[in-house]
PDB file of all heavy atoms in Angstrom:
ATOM      1  N   ALA A   1     142.167  87.532 112.353  1.00  0.00           N
ATOM      2  CA  ALA A   1     141.203  88.507 111.826  1.00  0.00           C
ATOM      3  C   ALA A   1     140.028  87.803 111.165  1.00  0.00           C
ATOM      4  O   ALA A   1     138.869  88.211 111.324  1.00  0.00           O
ATOM      5  CB  ALA A   1     141.885  89.442 110.837  1.00  0.00           C
ATOM      6  N   PHE A   2     140.310  86.723 110.440  1.00  0.00           N
ATOM      7  CA  PHE A   2     139.252  85.961 109.783  1.00  0.00           C
ATOM      8  C   PHE A   2     138.335  85.311 110.825  1.00  0.00           C
ATOM      9  O   PHE A   2     137.120  85.339 110.691  1.00  0.00           O
ATOM     10  CB  PHE A   2     139.846  84.899 108.853  1.00  0.00           C
ATOM     11  CG  PHE A   2     138.805  84.150 108.082  1.00  0.00           C
ATOM     12  CD1 PHE A   2     138.138  84.751 107.024  1.00  0.00           C
ATOM     13  CD2 PHE A   2     138.478  82.848 108.424  1.00  0.00           C
ATOM     14  CE1 PHE A   2     137.161  84.066 106.317  1.00  0.00           C
ATOM     15  CE2 PHE A   2     137.503  82.153 107.718  1.00  0.00           C
ATOM     16  CZ  PHE A   2     136.837  82.770 106.655  1.00  0.00           C
ATOM     17  N   ARG A   3     138.919  84.740 111.873  1.00  0.00           N
ATOM     18  CA  ARG A   3     138.117  84.135 112.945  1.00  0.00           C
ATOM     19  C   ARG A   3     137.213  85.181 113.593  1.00  0.00           C
ATOM     20  O   ARG A   3     136.049  84.924 113.876  1.00  0.00           O
ATOM     21  CB  ARG A   3     139.021  83.506 113.999  1.00  0.00           C
ATOM     22  CG  ARG A   3     139.546  82.166 113.618  1.00  0.00           C
ATOM     23  CD  ARG A   3     140.211  81.484 114.811  1.00  0.00           C
ATOM     24  NE  ARG A   3     140.768  80.221 114.396  1.00  0.00           N
ATOM     25  CZ  ARG A   3     142.007  79.841 114.640  1.00  0.00           C
ATOM     26  NH1 ARG A   3     142.820  80.614 115.318  1.00  0.00           N
ATOM     27  NH2 ARG A   3     142.440  78.669 114.221  1.00  0.00           N
ATOM     28  N   GLN A   4     137.761  86.378 113.837  1.00  0.00           N
ATOM     29  CA  GLN A   4     136.977  87.452 114.447  1.00  0.00           C
ATOM     30  C   GLN A   4     135.836  87.878 113.521  1.00  0.00           C
ATOM     31  O   GLN A   4     134.722  88.113 113.958  1.00  0.00           O
ATOM     32  CB  GLN A   4     137.871  88.657 114.790  1.00  0.00           C
ATOM     33  CG  GLN A   4     137.157  89.748 115.550  1.00  0.00           C
ATOM     34  CD  GLN A   4     136.618  89.281 116.890  1.00  0.00           C
ATOM     35  OE1 GLN A   4     137.278  88.562 117.638  1.00  0.00           O
ATOM     36  NE2 GLN A   4     135.388  89.663 117.199  1.00  0.00           N
ATOM     37  N   MET A   5     136.129  87.949 112.215  1.00  0.00           N
ATOM     38  CA  MET A   5     135.107  88.319 111.244  1.00  0.00           C
ATOM     39  C   MET A   5     133.977  87.283 111.266  1.00  0.00           C
ATOM     40  O   MET A   5     132.793  87.632 111.263  1.00  0.00           O
ATOM     41  CB  MET A   5     135.700  88.418 109.841  1.00  0.00           C
ATOM     42  CG  MET A   5     134.681  88.790 108.781  1.00  0.00           C
ATOM     43  SD  MET A   5     135.324  88.655 107.102  1.00  0.00           S
ATOM     44  CE  MET A   5     135.359  86.885 106.886  1.00  0.00           C
ATOM     45  N   LYS A   6     134.317  86.000 111.291  1.00  0.00           N
ATOM     46  CA  LYS A   6     133.309  84.938 111.319  1.00  0.00           C
ATOM     47  C   LYS A   6     132.470  85.015 112.596  1.00  0.00           C
ATOM     48  O   LYS A   6     131.260  84.815 112.570  1.00  0.00           O
ATOM     49  CB  LYS A   6     133.972  83.556 111.205  1.00  0.00           C
ATOM     50  CG  LYS A   6     134.630  83.266 109.881  1.00  0.00           C
ATOM     51  CD  LYS A   6     133.653  83.266 108.737  1.00  0.00           C
ATOM     52  CE  LYS A   6     132.777  82.041 108.803  1.00  0.00           C
ATOM     53  NZ  LYS A   6     131.766  82.012 107.733  1.00  0.00           N
ATOM     54  N   LYS A   7     133.130  85.314 113.706  1.00  0.00           N
ATOM     55  CA  LYS A   7     132.432  85.435 114.986  1.00  0.00           C
ATOM     56  C   LYS A   7     131.425  86.592 114.931  1.00  0.00           C
ATOM     57  O   LYS A   7     130.285  86.456 115.383  1.00  0.00           O
ATOM     58  CB  LYS A   7     133.460  85.664 116.092  1.00  0.00           C
ATOM     59  CG  LYS A   7     132.981  85.466 117.481  1.00  0.00           C
ATOM     60  CD  LYS A   7     134.154  85.687 118.435  1.00  0.00           C
ATOM     61  CE  LYS A   7     133.966  85.012 119.745  1.00  0.00           C
ATOM     62  NZ  LYS A   7     135.097  85.228 120.640  1.00  0.00           N
ATOM     63  N   ASN A   8     131.841  87.703 114.352  1.00  0.00           N
ATOM     64  CA  ASN A   8     130.958  88.855 114.223  1.00  0.00           C
ATOM     65  C   ASN A   8     129.783  88.558 113.292  1.00  0.00           C
ATOM     66  O   ASN A   8     128.656  88.975 113.554  1.00  0.00           O
ATOM     67  CB  ASN A   8     131.725  90.081 113.729  1.00  0.00           C
ATOM     68  CG  ASN A   8     132.691  90.617 114.759  1.00  0.00           C
ATOM     69  OD1 ASN A   8     132.565  90.347 115.945  1.00  0.00           O
ATOM     70  ND2 ASN A   8     133.676  91.366 114.307  1.00  0.00           N
ATOM     71  N   GLN A   9     130.049  87.847 112.201  1.00  0.00           N
ATOM     72  CA  GLN A   9     128.975  87.453 111.287  1.00  0.00           C
ATOM     73  C   GLN A   9     127.956  86.573 112.003  1.00  0.00           C
ATOM     74  O   GLN A   9     126.754  86.743 111.835  1.00  0.00           O
ATOM     75  CB  GLN A   9     129.535  86.681 110.085  1.00  0.00           C
ATOM     76  CG  GLN A   9     130.163  87.529 109.037  1.00  0.00           C
ATOM     77  CD  GLN A   9     130.715  86.674 107.892  1.00  0.00           C
ATOM     78  OE1 GLN A   9     130.974  85.482 108.035  1.00  0.00           O
ATOM     79  NE2 GLN A   9     130.896  87.308 106.747  1.00  0.00           N
ATOM     80  N   GLU A  10     128.440  85.644 112.797  1.00  0.00           N
ATOM     81  CA  GLU A  10     127.548  84.740 113.519  1.00  0.00           C
ATOM     82  C   GLU A  10     126.686  85.506 114.517  1.00  0.00           C
ATOM     83  O   GLU A  10     125.481  85.263 114.632  1.00  0.00           O
ATOM     84  CB  GLU A  10     128.377  83.668 114.243  1.00  0.00           C
ATOM     85  CG  GLU A  10     127.533  82.588 114.872  1.00  0.00           C
ATOM     86  CD  GLU A  10     128.388  81.485 115.490  1.00  0.00           C
ATOM     87  OE1 GLU A  10     129.520  81.261 115.021  1.00  0.00           O
ATOM     88  OE2 GLU A  10     127.894  80.858 116.441  1.00  0.00           O
ATOM     89  N   LYS A  11     127.279  86.475 115.226  1.00  0.00           N
ATOM     90  CA  LYS A  11     126.511  87.302 116.165  1.00  0.00           C
ATOM     91  C   LYS A  11     125.417  88.073 115.431  1.00  0.00           C
ATOM     92  O   LYS A  11     124.275  88.133 115.880  1.00  0.00           O
ATOM     93  CB  LYS A  11     127.439  88.305 116.879  1.00  0.00           C
ATOM     94  CG  LYS A  11     128.293  87.728 117.950  1.00  0.00           C
ATOM     95  CD  LYS A  11     129.141  88.836 118.557  1.00  0.00           C
ATOM     96  CE  LYS A  11     130.223  88.310 119.447  1.00  0.00           C
ATOM     97  NZ  LYS A  11     131.085  89.385 119.961  1.00  0.00           N
ATOM     98  N   PHE A  12     125.779  88.682 114.302  1.00  0.00           N
ATOM     99  CA  PHE A  12     124.810  89.446 113.526  1.00  0.00           C
ATOM    100  C   PHE A  12     123.671  88.545 113.050  1.00  0.00           C
ATOM    101  O   PHE A  12     122.493  88.891 113.177  1.00  0.00           O
ATOM    102  CB  PHE A  12     125.476  90.123 112.324  1.00  0.00           C
ATOM    103  CG  PHE A  12     124.481  90.786 111.409  1.00  0.00           C
ATOM    104  CD1 PHE A  12     123.965  92.027 111.720  1.00  0.00           C
ATOM    105  CD2 PHE A  12     124.063  90.151 110.246  1.00  0.00           C
ATOM    106  CE1 PHE A  12     123.029  92.633 110.892  1.00  0.00           C
ATOM    107  CE2 PHE A  12     123.134  90.748 109.414  1.00  0.00           C
ATOM    108  CZ  PHE A  12     122.621  91.997 109.735  1.00  0.00           C
ATOM    109  N   MET A  13     124.012  87.377 112.522  1.00  0.00           N
ATOM    110  CA  MET A  13     122.987  86.477 111.992  1.00  0.00           C
ATOM    111  C   MET A  13     122.048  85.993 113.097  1.00  0.00           C
ATOM    112  O   MET A  13     120.839  85.917 112.896  1.00  0.00           O
ATOM    113  CB  MET A  13     123.621  85.287 111.259  1.00  0.00           C
ATOM    114  CG  MET A  13     124.225  85.659 109.923  1.00  0.00           C
ATOM    115  SD  MET A  13     123.098  86.551 108.814  1.00  0.00           S
ATOM    116  CE  MET A  13     121.858  85.320 108.502  1.00  0.00           C
ATOM    117  N   LYS A  14     122.577  85.694 114.266  1.00  0.00           N
ATOM    118  CA  LYS A  14     121.721  85.274 115.374  1.00  0.00           C
ATOM    119  C   LYS A  14     120.801  86.413 115.795  1.00  0.00           C
ATOM    120  O   LYS A  14     119.599  86.199 115.996  1.00  0.00           O
ATOM    121  CB  LYS A  14     122.565  84.803 116.564  1.00  0.00           C
ATOM    122  CG  LYS A  14     123.119  83.413 116.393  1.00  0.00           C
ATOM    123  CD  LYS A  14     123.886  82.975 117.618  1.00  0.00           C
ATOM    124  CE  LYS A  14     124.430  81.570 117.417  1.00  0.00           C
ATOM    125  NZ  LYS A  14     125.203  81.109 118.561  1.00  0.00           N
ATOM    126  N   ALA A  15     121.341  87.622 115.919  1.00  0.00           N
ATOM    127  CA  ALA A  15     120.524  88.777 116.308  1.00  0.00           C
ATOM    128  C   ALA A  15     119.459  89.056 115.256  1.00  0.00           C
ATOM    129  O   ALA A  15     118.316  89.384 115.576  1.00  0.00           O
ATOM    130  CB  ALA A  15     121.406  90.005 116.513  1.00  0.00           C
ATOM    131  N   PHE A  16     119.816  88.909 114.002  1.00  0.00           N
ATOM    132  CA  PHE A  16     118.896  89.159 112.892  1.00  0.00           C
ATOM    133  C   PHE A  16     117.798  88.096 112.848  1.00  0.00           C
ATOM    134  O   PHE A  16     116.609  88.405 112.870  1.00  0.00           O
ATOM    135  CB  PHE A  16     119.680  89.185 111.578  1.00  0.00           C
ATOM    136  CG  PHE A  16     118.838  89.357 110.340  1.00  0.00           C
ATOM    137  CD1 PHE A  16     118.415  90.619 109.950  1.00  0.00           C
ATOM    138  CD2 PHE A  16     118.486  88.269 109.562  1.00  0.00           C
ATOM    139  CE1 PHE A  16     117.656  90.789 108.805  1.00  0.00           C
ATOM    140  CE2 PHE A  16     117.727  88.420 108.414  1.00  0.00           C
ATOM    141  CZ  PHE A  16     117.306  89.689 108.040  1.00  0.00           C
ATOM    142  N   LEU A  17     118.180  86.852 112.789  1.00  0.00           N
ATOM    143  CA  LEU A  17     117.218  85.773 112.593  1.00  0.00           C
ATOM    144  C   LEU A  17     116.316  85.534 113.798  1.00  0.00           C
ATOM    145  O   LEU A  17     115.152  85.174 113.649  1.00  0.00           O
ATOM    146  CB  LEU A  17     117.936  84.469 112.223  1.00  0.00           C
ATOM    147  CG  LEU A  17     118.633  84.488 110.863  1.00  0.00           C
ATOM    148  CD1 LEU A  17     119.466  83.234 110.672  1.00  0.00           C
ATOM    149  CD2 LEU A  17     117.628  84.650 109.735  1.00  0.00           C
ATOM    150  N   GLN A  18     116.829  85.737 115.012  1.00  0.00           N
ATOM    151  CA  GLN A  18     116.050  85.423 116.208  1.00  0.00           C
ATOM    152  C   GLN A  18     115.341  86.633 116.806  1.00  0.00           C
ATOM    153  O   GLN A  18     114.676  86.501 117.834  1.00  0.00           O
ATOM    154  CB  GLN A  18     116.960  84.767 117.243  1.00  0.00           C
ATOM    155  CG  GLN A  18     117.499  83.443 116.763  1.00  0.00           C
ATOM    156  CD  GLN A  18     118.496  82.818 117.716  1.00  0.00           C
ATOM    157  OE1 GLN A  18     118.744  83.314 118.800  1.00  0.00           O
ATOM    158  NE2 GLN A  18     119.086  81.701 117.309  1.00  0.00           N
ATOM    159  N   ASN A  19     115.443  87.789 116.166  1.00  0.00           N
ATOM    160  CA  ASN A  19     114.800  88.997 116.680  1.00  0.00           C
ATOM    161  C   ASN A  19     113.286  88.855 116.617  1.00  0.00           C
ATOM    162  O   ASN A  19     112.741  88.321 115.659  1.00  0.00           O
ATOM    163  CB  ASN A  19     115.259  90.210 115.863  1.00  0.00           C
ATOM    164  CG  ASN A  19     115.064  91.501 116.614  1.00  0.00           C
ATOM    165  OD1 ASN A  19     113.984  91.794 117.091  1.00  0.00           O
ATOM    166  ND2 ASN A  19     116.136  92.260 116.714  1.00  0.00           N
ATOM    167  N   ALA A  20     112.592  89.364 117.634  1.00  0.00           N
ATOM    168  CA  ALA A  20     111.126  89.295 117.674  1.00  0.00           C
ATOM    169  C   ALA A  20     110.482  90.325 116.753  1.00  0.00           C
ATOM    170  O   ALA A  20     109.311  90.199 116.406  1.00  0.00           O
ATOM    171  CB  ALA A  20     110.641  89.508 119.104  1.00  0.00           C
ATOM    172  N   LEU A  21     111.230  91.350 116.353  1.00  0.00           N
ATOM    173  CA  LEU A  21     110.708  92.361 115.436  1.00  0.00           C
ATOM    174  C   LEU A  21     110.942  91.924 113.994  1.00  0.00           C
ATOM    175  O   LEU A  21     111.978  91.341 113.681  1.00  0.00           O
ATOM    176  CB  LEU A  21     111.413  93.706 115.668  1.00  0.00           C
ATOM    177  CG  LEU A  21     111.161  94.371 117.009  1.00  0.00           C
ATOM    178  CD1 LEU A  21     112.047  95.595 117.167  1.00  0.00           C
ATOM    179  CD2 LEU A  21     109.705  94.740 117.165  1.00  0.00           C
ATOM    180  N   PRO A  22     109.998  92.226 113.107  1.00  0.00           N
ATOM    181  CA  PRO A  22     110.204  91.893 111.692  1.00  0.00           C
ATOM    182  C   PRO A  22     111.400  92.652 111.131  1.00  0.00           C
ATOM    183  O   PRO A  22     111.491  93.874 111.269  1.00  0.00           O
ATOM    184  CB  PRO A  22     108.911  92.353 111.018  1.00  0.00           C
ATOM    185  CG  PRO A  22     107.937  92.583 112.108  1.00  0.00           C
ATOM    186  CD  PRO A  22     108.712  92.850 113.348  1.00  0.00           C
ATOM    187  N   MET A  23     112.326  91.913 110.516  1.00  0.00           N
ATOM    188  CA  MET A  23     113.535  92.509 109.968  1.00  0.00           C
ATOM    189  C   MET A  23     113.794  91.967 108.574  1.00  0.00           C
ATOM    190  O   MET A  23     113.476  90.818 108.276  1.00  0.00           O
ATOM    191  CB  MET A  23     114.746  92.202 110.852  1.00  0.00           C
ATOM    192  CG  MET A  23     114.660  92.750 112.248  1.00  0.00           C
ATOM    193  SD  MET A  23     116.106  92.307 113.246  1.00  0.00           S
ATOM    194  CE  MET A  23     117.335  93.394 112.548  1.00  0.00           C
ATOM    195  N   GLY A  24     114.393  92.815 107.740  1.00  0.00           N
ATOM    196  CA  GLY A  24     114.774  92.401 106.405  1.00  0.00           C
ATOM    197  C   GLY A  24     116.082  93.037 105.999  1.00  0.00           C
ATOM    198  O   GLY A  24     116.450  94.104 106.492  1.00  0.00           O
ATOM    199  N   LEU A  25     116.782  92.381 105.116  1.00  0.00           N
ATOM    200  CA  LEU A  25     118.018  92.907 104.539  1.00  0.00           C
ATOM    201  C   LEU A  25     117.797  92.930 103.035  1.00  0.00           C
ATOM    202  O   LEU A  25     117.467  91.905 102.439  1.00  0.00           O
ATOM    203  CB  LEU A  25     119.215  92.018 104.897  1.00  0.00           C
ATOM    204  CG  LEU A  25     120.585  92.496 104.446  1.00  0.00           C
ATOM    205  CD1 LEU A  25     120.956  93.811 105.136  1.00  0.00           C
ATOM    206  CD2 LEU A  25     121.646  91.440 104.730  1.00  0.00           C
ATOM    207  N   ALA A  26     117.931  94.133 102.441  1.00  0.00           N
ATOM    208  CA  ALA A  26     117.668  94.290 101.011  1.00  0.00           C
ATOM    209  C   ALA A  26     118.838  94.982 100.339  1.00  0.00           C
ATOM    210  O   ALA A  26     119.531  95.803 100.951  1.00  0.00           O
ATOM    211  CB  ALA A  26     116.391  95.102 100.789  1.00  0.00           C
ATOM    212  N   SER A  27     119.050  94.661  99.080  1.00  0.00           N
ATOM    213  CA  SER A  27     120.055  95.334  98.273  1.00  0.00           C
ATOM    214  C   SER A  27     119.590  96.766  98.039  1.00  0.00           C
ATOM    215  O   SER A  27     118.433  96.999  97.698  1.00  0.00           O
ATOM    216  CB  SER A  27     120.208  94.609  96.938  1.00  0.00           C
ATOM    217  OG  SER A  27     120.911  95.417  96.019  1.00  0.00           O
ATOM    218  N   HIS A  28     120.478  97.728  98.226  1.00  0.00           N
ATOM    219  CA  HIS A  28     120.095  99.115  97.977  1.00  0.00           C
ATOM    220  C   HIS A  28     120.026  99.395  96.477  1.00  0.00           C
ATOM    221  O   HIS A  28     119.253 100.233  96.036  1.00  0.00           O
ATOM    222  CB  HIS A  28     121.065 100.085  98.667  1.00  0.00           C
ATOM    223  CG  HIS A  28     120.604 101.508  98.640  1.00  0.00           C
ATOM    224  ND1 HIS A  28     119.396 101.899  99.181  1.00  0.00           N
ATOM    225  CD2 HIS A  28     121.166 102.622  98.118  1.00  0.00           C
ATOM    226  CE1 HIS A  28     119.240 103.197  99.002  1.00  0.00           C
ATOM    227  NE2 HIS A  28     120.295 103.660  98.365  1.00  0.00           N
ATOM    228  N   ARG A  29     120.800  98.671  95.710  1.00  0.00           N
ATOM    229  CA  ARG A  29     120.853  98.883  94.261  1.00  0.00           C
ATOM    230  C   ARG A  29     119.494  98.645  93.605  1.00  0.00           C
ATOM    231  O   ARG A  29     119.010  99.457  92.847  1.00  0.00           O
ATOM    232  CB  ARG A  29     121.919  97.967  93.647  1.00  0.00           C
ATOM    233  CG  ARG A  29     122.127  98.120  92.153  1.00  0.00           C
ATOM    234  CD  ARG A  29     123.263  97.248  91.621  1.00  0.00           C
ATOM    235  NE  ARG A  29     123.430  95.975  92.277  1.00  0.00           N
ATOM    236  CZ  ARG A  29     122.727  94.870  91.989  1.00  0.00           C
ATOM    237  NH1 ARG A  29     121.819  94.879  91.059  1.00  0.00           N
ATOM    238  NH2 ARG A  29     122.966  93.742  92.640  1.00  0.00           N
ATOM    239  N   ASP A  30     118.867  97.503  93.927  1.00  0.00           N
ATOM    240  CA  ASP A  30     117.593  97.175  93.264  1.00  0.00           C
ATOM    241  C   ASP A  30     116.426  96.981  94.230  1.00  0.00           C
ATOM    242  O   ASP A  30     115.300  96.755  93.796  1.00  0.00           O
ATOM    243  CB  ASP A  30     117.745  95.942  92.377  1.00  0.00           C
ATOM    244  CG  ASP A  30     118.195  94.700  93.132  1.00  0.00           C
ATOM    245  OD1 ASP A  30     118.193  94.701  94.380  1.00  0.00           O
ATOM    246  OD2 ASP A  30     118.556  93.710  92.463  1.00  0.00           O
ATOM    247  N   GLY A  31     116.682  97.053  95.537  1.00  0.00           N
ATOM    248  CA  GLY A  31     115.608  96.934  96.521  1.00  0.00           C
ATOM    249  C   GLY A  31     115.156  95.511  96.786  1.00  0.00           C
ATOM    250  O   GLY A  31     114.215  95.294  97.553  1.00  0.00           O
ATOM    251  N   CYS A  32     115.811  94.522  96.190  1.00  0.00           N
ATOM    252  CA  CYS A  32     115.409  93.120  96.390  1.00  0.00           C
ATOM    253  C   CYS A  32     115.856  92.628  97.768  1.00  0.00           C
ATOM    254  O   CYS A  32     116.975  92.898  98.193  1.00  0.00           O
ATOM    255  CB  CYS A  32     116.011  92.216  95.319  1.00  0.00           C
ATOM    256  SG  CYS A  32     115.266  92.452  93.708  1.00  0.00           S
ATOM    257  N   PHE A  33     114.962  91.901  98.423  1.00  0.00           N
ATOM    258  CA  PHE A  33     115.301  91.318  99.710  1.00  0.00           C
ATOM    259  C   PHE A  33     116.358  90.237  99.527  1.00  0.00           C
ATOM    260  O   PHE A  33     116.247  89.388  98.652  1.00  0.00           O
ATOM    261  CB  PHE A  33     114.072  90.693 100.378  1.00  0.00           C
ATOM    262  CG  PHE A  33     113.163  91.696 101.029  1.00  0.00           C
ATOM    263  CD1 PHE A  33     111.962  92.033 100.445  1.00  0.00           C
ATOM    264  CD2 PHE A  33     113.511  92.289 102.226  1.00  0.00           C
ATOM    265  CE1 PHE A  33     111.113  92.946 101.041  1.00  0.00           C
ATOM    266  CE2 PHE A  33     112.683  93.215 102.837  1.00  0.00           C
ATOM    267  CZ  PHE A  33     111.474  93.547 102.237  1.00  0.00           C
ATOM    268  N   ILE A  34     117.379  90.284 100.373  1.00  0.00           N
ATOM    269  CA  ILE A  34     118.417  89.258 100.428  1.00  0.00           C
ATOM    270  C   ILE A  34     117.990  88.197 101.436  1.00  0.00           C
ATOM    271  O   ILE A  34     118.156  87.010 101.217  1.00  0.00           O
ATOM    272  CB  ILE A  34     119.778  89.864 100.864  1.00  0.00           C
ATOM    273  CG1 ILE A  34     120.176  91.027  99.969  1.00  0.00           C
ATOM    274  CG2 ILE A  34     120.855  88.807 100.937  1.00  0.00           C
ATOM    275  CD1 ILE A  34     120.325  90.692  98.518  1.00  0.00           C
ATOM    276  N   ASP A  35     117.418  88.657 102.554  1.00  0.00           N
ATOM    277  CA  ASP A  35     116.943  87.748 103.592  1.00  0.00           C
ATOM    278  C   ASP A  35     115.966  88.492 104.487  1.00  0.00           C
ATOM    279  O   ASP A  35     115.975  89.726 104.551  1.00  0.00           O
ATOM    280  CB  ASP A  35     118.118  87.213 104.421  1.00  0.00           C
ATOM    281  CG  ASP A  35     117.799  85.898 105.131  1.00  0.00           C
ATOM    282  OD1 ASP A  35     116.648  85.398 105.018  1.00  0.00           O
ATOM    283  OD2 ASP A  35     118.693  85.365 105.800  1.00  0.00           O
ATOM    284  N   VAL A  36     115.112  87.741 105.173  1.00  0.00           N
ATOM    285  CA  VAL A  36     114.198  88.273 106.185  1.00  0.00           C
ATOM    286  C   VAL A  36     114.195  87.295 107.352  1.00  0.00           C
ATOM    287  O   VAL A  36     114.546  86.130 107.191  1.00  0.00           O
ATOM    288  CB  VAL A  36     112.761  88.454 105.637  1.00  0.00           C
ATOM    289  CG1 VAL A  36     112.708  89.546 104.587  1.00  0.00           C
ATOM    290  CG2 VAL A  36     112.203  87.152 105.090  1.00  0.00           C
ATOM    291  N   ASN A  37     113.795  87.786 108.519  1.00  0.00           N
ATOM    292  CA  ASN A  37     113.775  86.878 109.666  1.00  0.00           C
ATOM    293  C   ASN A  37     112.408  86.213 109.808  1.00  0.00           C
ATOM    294  O   ASN A  37     111.454  86.529 109.079  1.00  0.00           O
ATOM    295  CB  ASN A  37     114.212  87.599 110.952  1.00  0.00           C
ATOM    296  CG  ASN A  37     113.237  88.658 111.420  1.00  0.00           C
ATOM    297  OD1 ASN A  37     112.220  88.946 110.791  1.00  0.00           O
ATOM    298  ND2 ASN A  37     113.561  89.274 112.544  1.00  0.00           N
ATOM    299  N   ASP A  38     112.311  85.286 110.740  1.00  0.00           N
ATOM    300  CA  ASP A  38     111.073  84.524 110.936  1.00  0.00           C
ATOM    301  C   ASP A  38     109.920  85.417 111.384  1.00  0.00           C
ATOM    302  O   ASP A  38     108.771  85.170 111.019  1.00  0.00           O
ATOM    303  CB  ASP A  38     111.288  83.394 111.949  1.00  0.00           C
ATOM    304  CG  ASP A  38     112.173  82.289 111.392  1.00  0.00           C
ATOM    305  OD1 ASP A  38     112.335  82.217 110.150  1.00  0.00           O
ATOM    306  OD2 ASP A  38     112.713  81.502 112.191  1.00  0.00           O
ATOM    307  N   ALA A  39     110.200  86.461 112.173  1.00  0.00           N
ATOM    308  CA  ALA A  39     109.144  87.374 112.614  1.00  0.00           C
ATOM    309  C   ALA A  39     108.517  88.077 111.406  1.00  0.00           C
ATOM    310  O   ALA A  39     107.295  88.248 111.344  1.00  0.00           O
ATOM    311  CB  ALA A  39     109.701  88.398 113.600  1.00  0.00           C
ATOM    312  N   PHE A  40     109.326  88.452 110.439  1.00  0.00           N
ATOM    313  CA  PHE A  40     108.821  89.069 109.207  1.00  0.00           C
ATOM    314  C   PHE A  40     107.865  88.112 108.502  1.00  0.00           C
ATOM    315  O   PHE A  40     106.769  88.493 108.082  1.00  0.00           O
ATOM    316  CB  PHE A  40     109.995  89.427 108.292  1.00  0.00           C
ATOM    317  CG  PHE A  40     109.604  90.077 106.990  1.00  0.00           C
ATOM    318  CD1 PHE A  40     109.744  91.440 106.821  1.00  0.00           C
ATOM    319  CD2 PHE A  40     109.103  89.327 105.934  1.00  0.00           C
ATOM    320  CE1 PHE A  40     109.382  92.047 105.618  1.00  0.00           C
ATOM    321  CE2 PHE A  40     108.738  89.915 104.735  1.00  0.00           C
ATOM    322  CZ  PHE A  40     108.882  91.289 104.576  1.00  0.00           C
ATOM    323  N   LEU A  41     108.267  86.859 108.384  1.00  0.00           N
ATOM    324  CA  LEU A  41     107.451  85.856 107.689  1.00  0.00           C
ATOM    325  C   LEU A  41     106.161  85.575 108.451  1.00  0.00           C
ATOM    326  O   LEU A  41     105.080  85.496 107.855  1.00  0.00           O
ATOM    327  CB  LEU A  41     108.253  84.568 107.494  1.00  0.00           C
ATOM    328  CG  LEU A  41     109.525  84.701 106.657  1.00  0.00           C
ATOM    329  CD1 LEU A  41     110.326  83.415 106.687  1.00  0.00           C
ATOM    330  CD2 LEU A  41     109.207  85.132 105.233  1.00  0.00           C
TER     331      LEU A  41
END
């Protein structure tokens, strides 16, 4: 289960970071960005 979780995390991170569209991940509690992809930057 842990290996599968890591595999899923890696897929998400690749899709997030390498996406051509600007993307960001922010905390809903305070609205602070946790991470953004290169297209956003």
